[in-house]
Every structure is written in C-alpha cells, then in structure tokens.
Amino acid sequence: MTTTEMPKVGLLVTMTAKPGQEAAVEEFLNSGLALVNEEPATIAWFAIRLSGSTYGIFDVFPDDSGRDAHLSGRVAEALMAQAPDLFEDTPTIEKIDVLAAKLP
C-alpha cells in the first residue's frame, strides 16, 4: 500500500471527557499517534477536539480489512481500557464510507 492510495472507508469516534480529565484525554490521544504509525493500512488518522470536553478520532482506510485491523488493534484496545477513567460514556464508534478525499 502506498500513502497515495485513496481511502474508501473510515471511522468517526466521539467521546466526552469526564470533568477535569481534559488534559489526560489530550495526552492519551497524542500517545495514540505512535501506535497508529505502526498500522500500514491506516492512511490518515486525526485526534481532534470538537468542543471544550468533546473529542474525536477520524481515520481512513483503503478497505474494510484495514478498518477491521485497526478496530482490533492496539489503539482501539487502549481506548476501551482507558474509557472508564477518562470518558463520561463509552466512546461512540461509527463506521463511515468516504465519498471523496484530497490527500497529498
């Protein structure tokens, strides 16, 4: 796979930090980048802040097998392990289809 391969599917994950846990959530999300860099099928990965305590992860893949590998990988495992301590509720994970994309 090359970095210019067009993504066809993705994930949109949203989560709300528990009060006072915003800095810990940001640190956790930043630490996920090293794990994602080890995933050859993850074309792009973004950790984002949507509002003061609402965060998200947006990532894209060339196909369902790449997305499934990510969902069973170390980032997803770490997210679910940390969820009770960091987030008000279980993170919402939505599978999405990419209709159009611009990549470098």
C-alpha atoms as a PDB file:
ATOM      1  CA  MET A   1       0.000   0.000   0.000  1.00  0.00           C
ATOM      2  CA  THR A   2       1.197   3.495  -0.759  1.00  0.00           C
ATOM      3  CA  THR A   3       0.357   6.693   1.054  1.00  0.00           C
ATOM      4  CA  THR A   4      -1.372   7.915  -2.114  1.00  0.00           C
ATOM      5  CA  GLU A   5      -3.921   5.091  -2.039  1.00  0.00           C
ATOM      6  CA  MET A   6      -7.378   6.600  -1.791  1.00  0.00           C
ATOM      7  CA  PRO A   7      -9.379   5.861   1.323  1.00  0.00           C
ATOM      8  CA  LYS A   8     -12.728   4.176   0.836  1.00  0.00           C
ATOM      9  CA  VAL A   9     -13.852   3.658   4.437  1.00  0.00           C
ATOM     10  CA  GLY A  10     -13.226   5.252   7.795  1.00  0.00           C
ATOM     11  CA  LEU A  11     -14.168   5.653  11.413  1.00  0.00           C
ATOM     12  CA  LEU A  12     -15.537   8.583  13.333  1.00  0.00           C
ATOM     13  CA  VAL A  13     -15.151   8.157  17.078  1.00  0.00           C
ATOM     14  CA  THR A  14     -16.570  10.700  19.515  1.00  0.00           C
ATOM     15  CA  MET A  15     -16.112  10.884  23.260  1.00  0.00           C
ATOM     16  CA  THR A  16     -16.734  13.325  26.099  1.00  0.00           C
ATOM     17  CA  ALA A  17     -14.103  13.758  28.792  1.00  0.00           C
ATOM     18  CA  LYS A  18     -15.116  13.468  32.410  1.00  0.00           C
ATOM     19  CA  PRO A  19     -14.912  16.845  34.179  1.00  0.00           C
ATOM     20  CA  GLY A  20     -11.283  17.667  34.924  1.00  0.00           C
ATOM     21  CA  GLN A  21      -9.951  14.908  32.635  1.00  0.00           C
ATOM     22  CA  GLU A  22      -9.462  17.027  29.510  1.00  0.00           C
ATOM     23  CA  ALA A  23      -5.674  17.199  29.811  1.00  0.00           C
ATOM     24  CA  ALA A  24      -5.472  13.444  30.399  1.00  0.00           C
ATOM     25  CA  VAL A  25      -7.654  12.797  27.337  1.00  0.00           C
ATOM     26  CA  GLU A  26      -5.431  15.003  25.188  1.00  0.00           C
ATOM     27  CA  GLU A  27      -2.314  13.232  26.456  1.00  0.00           C
ATOM     28  CA  PHE A  28      -3.921   9.858  25.750  1.00  0.00           C
ATOM     29  CA  LEU A  29      -4.934  10.883  22.226  1.00  0.00           C
ATOM     30  CA  ASN A  30      -1.459  12.243  21.477  1.00  0.00           C
ATOM     31  CA  SER A  31       0.083   8.965  22.643  1.00  0.00           C
ATOM     32  CA  GLY A  32      -2.099   7.069  20.158  1.00  0.00           C
ATOM     33  CA  LEU A  33      -0.196   8.522  17.219  1.00  0.00           C
ATOM     34  CA  ALA A  34       2.828   6.272  17.819  1.00  0.00           C
ATOM     35  CA  LEU A  35       0.598   3.184  17.770  1.00  0.00           C
ATOM     36  CA  VAL A  36      -1.227   4.276  14.617  1.00  0.00           C
ATOM     37  CA  ASN A  37       2.074   4.908  12.843  1.00  0.00           C
ATOM     38  CA  GLU A  38       2.678   1.142  13.096  1.00  0.00           C
ATOM     39  CA  GLU A  39      -0.529   0.362  11.148  1.00  0.00           C
ATOM     40  CA  PRO A  40       0.202   0.111   7.428  1.00  0.00           C
ATOM     41  CA  ALA A  41      -3.485   0.233   6.413  1.00  0.00           C
ATOM     42  CA  THR A  42      -4.247   3.466   8.271  1.00  0.00           C
ATOM     43  CA  ILE A  43      -3.973   6.085   5.538  1.00  0.00           C
ATOM     44  CA  ALA A  44      -4.738   9.072   7.773  1.00  0.00           C
ATOM     45  CA  TRP A  45      -5.525   9.469  11.481  1.00  0.00           C
ATOM     46  CA  PHE A  46      -6.623  12.592  13.315  1.00  0.00           C
ATOM     47  CA  ALA A  47      -7.246  13.177  17.011  1.00  0.00           C
ATOM     48  CA  ILE A  48      -9.485  16.245  17.300  1.00  0.00           C
ATOM     49  CA  ARG A  49     -11.231  18.448  19.823  1.00  0.00           C
ATOM     50  CA  LEU A  50     -14.811  19.219  18.847  1.00  0.00           C
ATOM     51  CA  SER A  51     -15.590  21.460  21.828  1.00  0.00           C
ATOM     52  CA  GLY A  52     -14.317  22.081  25.350  1.00  0.00           C
ATOM     53  CA  SER A  53     -14.710  18.498  26.585  1.00  0.00           C
ATOM     54  CA  THR A  54     -15.774  16.653  23.426  1.00  0.00           C
ATOM     55  CA  TYR A  55     -13.080  14.890  21.438  1.00  0.00           C
ATOM     56  CA  GLY A  56     -12.926  12.724  18.380  1.00  0.00           C
ATOM     57  CA  ILE A  57     -10.807  10.464  16.263  1.00  0.00           C
ATOM     58  CA  PHE A  58     -11.204  10.414  12.489  1.00  0.00           C
ATOM     59  CA  ASP A  59      -9.277   7.880  10.470  1.00  0.00           C
ATOM     60  CA  VAL A  60      -9.473   6.385   6.997  1.00  0.00           C
ATOM     61  CA  PHE A  61      -8.516   3.115   5.345  1.00  0.00           C
ATOM     62  CA  PRO A  62      -8.338   1.644   1.831  1.00  0.00           C
ATOM     63  CA  ASP A  63     -10.855  -1.117   2.610  1.00  0.00           C
ATOM     64  CA  ASP A  64     -12.854  -2.935   5.270  1.00  0.00           C
ATOM     65  CA  SER A  65      -9.982  -5.256   6.164  1.00  0.00           C
ATOM     66  CA  GLY A  66      -7.748  -2.287   7.027  1.00  0.00           C
ATOM     67  CA  ARG A  67     -10.504  -0.761   9.136  1.00  0.00           C
ATOM     68  CA  ASP A  68     -11.168  -4.087  10.866  1.00  0.00           C
ATOM     69  CA  ALA A  69      -7.453  -4.499  11.619  1.00  0.00           C
ATOM     70  CA  HIS A  70      -7.452  -1.051  13.221  1.00  0.00           C
ATOM     71  CA  LEU A  71     -10.562  -1.842  15.278  1.00  0.00           C
ATOM     72  CA  SER A  72      -8.873  -4.946  16.669  1.00  0.00           C
ATOM     73  CA  GLY A  73      -5.511  -3.206  17.118  1.00  0.00           C
ATOM     74  CA  ARG A  74      -3.634  -1.583  19.961  1.00  0.00           C
ATOM     75  CA  VAL A  75      -5.243   1.884  19.693  1.00  0.00           C
ATOM     76  CA  ALA A  76      -8.780   0.519  19.999  1.00  0.00           C
ATOM     77  CA  GLU A  77      -7.683  -1.727  22.853  1.00  0.00           C
ATOM     78  CA  ALA A  78      -6.114   1.211  24.703  1.00  0.00           C
ATOM     79  CA  LEU A  79      -9.174   3.388  24.067  1.00  0.00           C
ATOM     80  CA  MET A  80     -11.554   0.884  25.607  1.00  0.00           C
ATOM     81  CA  ALA A  81      -9.207   0.200  28.516  1.00  0.00           C
ATOM     82  CA  GLN A  82      -8.989   3.909  29.378  1.00  0.00           C
ATOM     83  CA  ALA A  83     -12.648   4.747  28.676  1.00  0.00           C
ATOM     84  CA  PRO A  84     -13.995   4.211  32.227  1.00  0.00           C
ATOM     85  CA  ASP A  85     -11.376   6.557  33.712  1.00  0.00           C
ATOM     86  CA  LEU A  86     -11.370   9.291  31.066  1.00  0.00           C
ATOM     87  CA  PHE A  87     -14.806   9.487  29.459  1.00  0.00           C
ATOM     88  CA  GLU A  88     -18.351  10.133  30.646  1.00  0.00           C
ATOM     89  CA  ASP A  89     -19.701   7.310  28.467  1.00  0.00           C
ATOM     90  CA  THR A  90     -18.337   4.609  26.192  1.00  0.00           C
ATOM     91  CA  PRO A  91     -16.895   6.242  23.060  1.00  0.00           C
ATOM     92  CA  THR A  92     -19.227   6.191  20.050  1.00  0.00           C
ATOM     93  CA  ILE A  93     -17.616   4.424  17.087  1.00  0.00           C
ATOM     94  CA  GLU A  94     -19.243   4.948  13.699  1.00  0.00           C
ATOM     95  CA  LYS A  95     -18.159   3.189  10.522  1.00  0.00           C
ATOM     96  CA  ILE A  96     -18.267   5.602   7.598  1.00  0.00           C
ATOM     97  CA  ASP A  97     -17.822   5.482   3.841  1.00  0.00           C
ATOM     98  CA  VAL A  98     -15.508   8.023   2.205  1.00  0.00           C
ATOM     99  CA  LEU A  99     -17.189   9.674  -0.774  1.00  0.00           C
ATOM    100  CA  ALA A 100     -14.329  11.982  -1.804  1.00  0.00           C
ATOM    101  CA  ALA A 101     -10.881  12.802  -0.462  1.00  0.00           C
ATOM    102  CA  LYS A 102      -7.870  15.005  -1.099  1.00  0.00           C
ATOM    103  CA  LEU A 103      -4.538  13.658   0.031  1.00  0.00           C
ATOM    104  CA  PRO A 104      -1.003  14.929  -0.559  1.00  0.00           C
END
